[in-house]
Amino acid sequence: AITVPWIVYRWRKRSERERYSTPPTYAATWR
């Protein structure tokens, strides 16, 4: 429950732009 906050904030910032291009497959966002 506390092992996602930091990881999500990290990929969300750099994946914020890729998120528009990449699909909502969750696993694809970790790349």
PDB file of N, CA and C in Angstrom:
ATOM      1  N   ALA A   1       0.853  -1.215   0.000  1.00  0.00           N
ATOM      2  CA  ALA A   1       0.000   0.000   0.000  1.00  0.00           C
ATOM      3  C   ALA A   1       0.879   1.252   0.000  1.00  0.00           C
ATOM      4  N   ILE A   2       2.112   1.061   0.478  1.00  0.00           N
ATOM      5  CA  ILE A   2       3.033   2.218   0.495  1.00  0.00           C
ATOM      6  C   ILE A   2       4.243   1.943  -0.407  1.00  0.00           C
ATOM      7  N   THR A   3       4.032   1.039  -1.358  1.00  0.00           N
ATOM      8  CA  THR A   3       5.144   0.718  -2.263  1.00  0.00           C
ATOM      9  C   THR A   3       4.842   1.207  -3.675  1.00  0.00           C
ATOM     10  N   VAL A   4       3.840   2.075  -3.762  1.00  0.00           N
ATOM     11  CA  VAL A   4       3.453   2.578  -5.084  1.00  0.00           C
ATOM     12  C   VAL A   4       3.567   4.097  -5.169  1.00  0.00           C
ATOM     13  N   PRO A   5       3.212   4.801  -4.100  1.00  0.00           N
ATOM     14  CA  PRO A   5       3.271   6.269  -4.077  1.00  0.00           C
ATOM     15  C   PRO A   5       4.515   6.847  -4.733  1.00  0.00           C
ATOM     16  N   TRP A   6       5.675   6.374  -4.319  1.00  0.00           N
ATOM     17  CA  TRP A   6       6.928   6.932  -4.856  1.00  0.00           C
ATOM     18  C   TRP A   6       7.177   6.460  -6.294  1.00  0.00           C
ATOM     19  N   ILE A   7       6.774   5.221  -6.550  1.00  0.00           N
ATOM     20  CA  ILE A   7       7.002   4.659  -7.899  1.00  0.00           C
ATOM     21  C   ILE A   7       6.043   5.276  -8.915  1.00  0.00           C
ATOM     22  N   VAL A   8       4.853   5.547  -8.456  1.00  0.00           N
ATOM     23  CA  VAL A   8       3.845   6.131  -9.353  1.00  0.00           C
ATOM     24  C   VAL A   8       4.186   7.584  -9.668  1.00  0.00           C
ATOM     25  N   TYR A   9       4.641   8.282  -8.665  1.00  0.00           N
ATOM     26  CA  TYR A   9       4.996   9.701  -8.849  1.00  0.00           C
ATOM     27  C   TYR A   9       6.192   9.837  -9.789  1.00  0.00           C
ATOM     28  N   ARG A  10       7.004   8.794  -9.811  1.00  0.00           N
ATOM     29  CA  ARG A  10       8.212   8.821 -10.655  1.00  0.00           C
ATOM     30  C   ARG A  10       7.858   8.591 -12.134  1.00  0.00           C
ATOM     31  N   TRP A  11       7.194   7.498 -12.426  1.00  0.00           N
ATOM     32  CA  TRP A  11       6.869   7.201 -13.834  1.00  0.00           C
ATOM     33  C   TRP A  11       5.776   8.126 -14.345  1.00  0.00           C
ATOM     34  N   ARG A  12       4.976   8.607 -13.447  1.00  0.00           N
ATOM     35  CA  ARG A  12       3.882   9.492 -13.858  1.00  0.00           C
ATOM     36  C   ARG A  12       4.439  10.822 -14.390  1.00  0.00           C
ATOM     37  N   LYS A  13       5.536  11.249 -13.825  1.00  0.00           N
ATOM     38  CA  LYS A  13       6.129  12.531 -14.266  1.00  0.00           C
ATOM     39  C   LYS A  13       6.827  12.377 -15.623  1.00  0.00           C
ATOM     40  N   ARG A  14       7.585  11.324 -15.769  1.00  0.00           N
ATOM     41  CA  ARG A  14       8.312  11.115 -17.031  1.00  0.00           C
ATOM     42  C   ARG A  14       7.432  10.396 -18.053  1.00  0.00           C
ATOM     43  N   SER A  15       6.408   9.690 -17.572  1.00  0.00           N
ATOM     44  CA  SER A  15       5.502   8.971 -18.478  1.00  0.00           C
ATOM     45  C   SER A  15       4.276   9.824 -18.805  1.00  0.00           C
ATOM     46  N   GLU A  16       4.261  11.001 -18.200  1.00  0.00           N
ATOM     47  CA  GLU A  16       3.115  11.894 -18.419  1.00  0.00           C
ATOM     48  C   GLU A  16       2.926  12.159 -19.916  1.00  0.00           C
ATOM     49  N   ARG A  17       4.050  12.278 -20.623  1.00  0.00           N
ATOM     50  CA  ARG A  17       3.981  12.554 -22.063  1.00  0.00           C
ATOM     51  C   ARG A  17       3.773  11.256 -22.835  1.00  0.00           C
ATOM     52  N   GLU A  18       4.439  10.223 -22.394  1.00  0.00           N
ATOM     53  CA  GLU A  18       4.305   8.931 -23.080  1.00  0.00           C
ATOM     54  C   GLU A  18       2.940   8.310 -22.824  1.00  0.00           C
ATOM     55  N   ARG A  19       2.356   8.713 -21.719  1.00  0.00           N
ATOM     56  CA  ARG A  19       1.049   8.175 -21.345  1.00  0.00           C
ATOM     57  C   ARG A  19       0.016   8.444 -22.446  1.00  0.00           C
ATOM     58  N   TYR A  20       0.195   9.556 -23.132  1.00  0.00           N
ATOM     59  CA  TYR A  20      -0.745   9.910 -24.201  1.00  0.00           C
ATOM     60  C   TYR A  20      -0.559   8.995 -25.413  1.00  0.00           C
ATOM     61  N   SER A  21       0.668   8.478 -25.545  1.00  0.00           N
ATOM     62  CA  SER A  21       0.970   7.625 -26.694  1.00  0.00           C
ATOM     63  C   SER A  21       0.848   6.142 -26.323  1.00  0.00           C
ATOM     64  N   THR A  22       1.270   5.848 -25.104  1.00  0.00           N
ATOM     65  CA  THR A  22       1.209   4.453 -24.650  1.00  0.00           C
ATOM     66  C   THR A  22      -0.180   4.099 -24.123  1.00  0.00           C
ATOM     67  N   PRO A  23      -0.583   2.869 -24.304  1.00  0.00           N
ATOM     68  CA  PRO A  23      -1.889   2.377 -23.864  1.00  0.00           C
ATOM     69  C   PRO A  23      -1.950   2.173 -22.355  1.00  0.00           C
ATOM     70  N   PRO A  24      -3.144   2.178 -21.798  1.00  0.00           N
ATOM     71  CA  PRO A  24      -3.351   1.992 -20.355  1.00  0.00           C
ATOM     72  C   PRO A  24      -3.180   0.539 -19.931  1.00  0.00           C
ATOM     73  N   THR A  25      -2.048  -0.015 -20.247  1.00  0.00           N
ATOM     74  CA  THR A  25      -1.821  -1.419 -19.909  1.00  0.00           C
ATOM     75  C   THR A  25      -1.081  -1.549 -18.575  1.00  0.00           C
ATOM     76  N   TYR A  26      -0.911  -0.397 -17.903  1.00  0.00           N
ATOM     77  CA  TYR A  26      -0.254  -0.410 -16.592  1.00  0.00           C
ATOM     78  C   TYR A  26       1.178  -0.935 -16.684  1.00  0.00           C
ATOM     79  N   ALA A  27       1.330  -2.118 -17.231  1.00  0.00           N
ATOM     80  CA  ALA A  27       2.657  -2.728 -17.333  1.00  0.00           C
ATOM     81  C   ALA A  27       3.489  -1.968 -18.359  1.00  0.00           C
ATOM     82  N   ALA A  28       2.831  -1.403 -19.340  1.00  0.00           N
ATOM     83  CA  ALA A  28       3.541  -0.672 -20.399  1.00  0.00           C
ATOM     84  C   ALA A  28       4.085   0.643 -19.855  1.00  0.00           C
ATOM     85  N   THR A  29       3.431   1.146 -18.820  1.00  0.00           N
ATOM     86  CA  THR A  29       3.851   2.428 -18.253  1.00  0.00           C
ATOM     87  C   THR A  29       5.117   2.265 -17.429  1.00  0.00           C
ATOM     88  N   TRP A  30       5.356   1.065 -16.927  1.00  0.00           N
ATOM     89  CA  TRP A  30       6.546   0.831 -16.098  1.00  0.00           C
ATOM     90  C   TRP A  30       7.810   0.891 -16.958  1.00  0.00           C
ATOM     91  N   ARG A  31       7.643   0.615 -18.254  1.00  0.00           N
ATOM     92  CA  ARG A  31       8.813   0.620 -19.128  1.00  0.00           C
ATOM     93  C   ARG A  31       9.388   1.985 -19.044  1.00  0.00           C
TER      94      ARG A  31
END
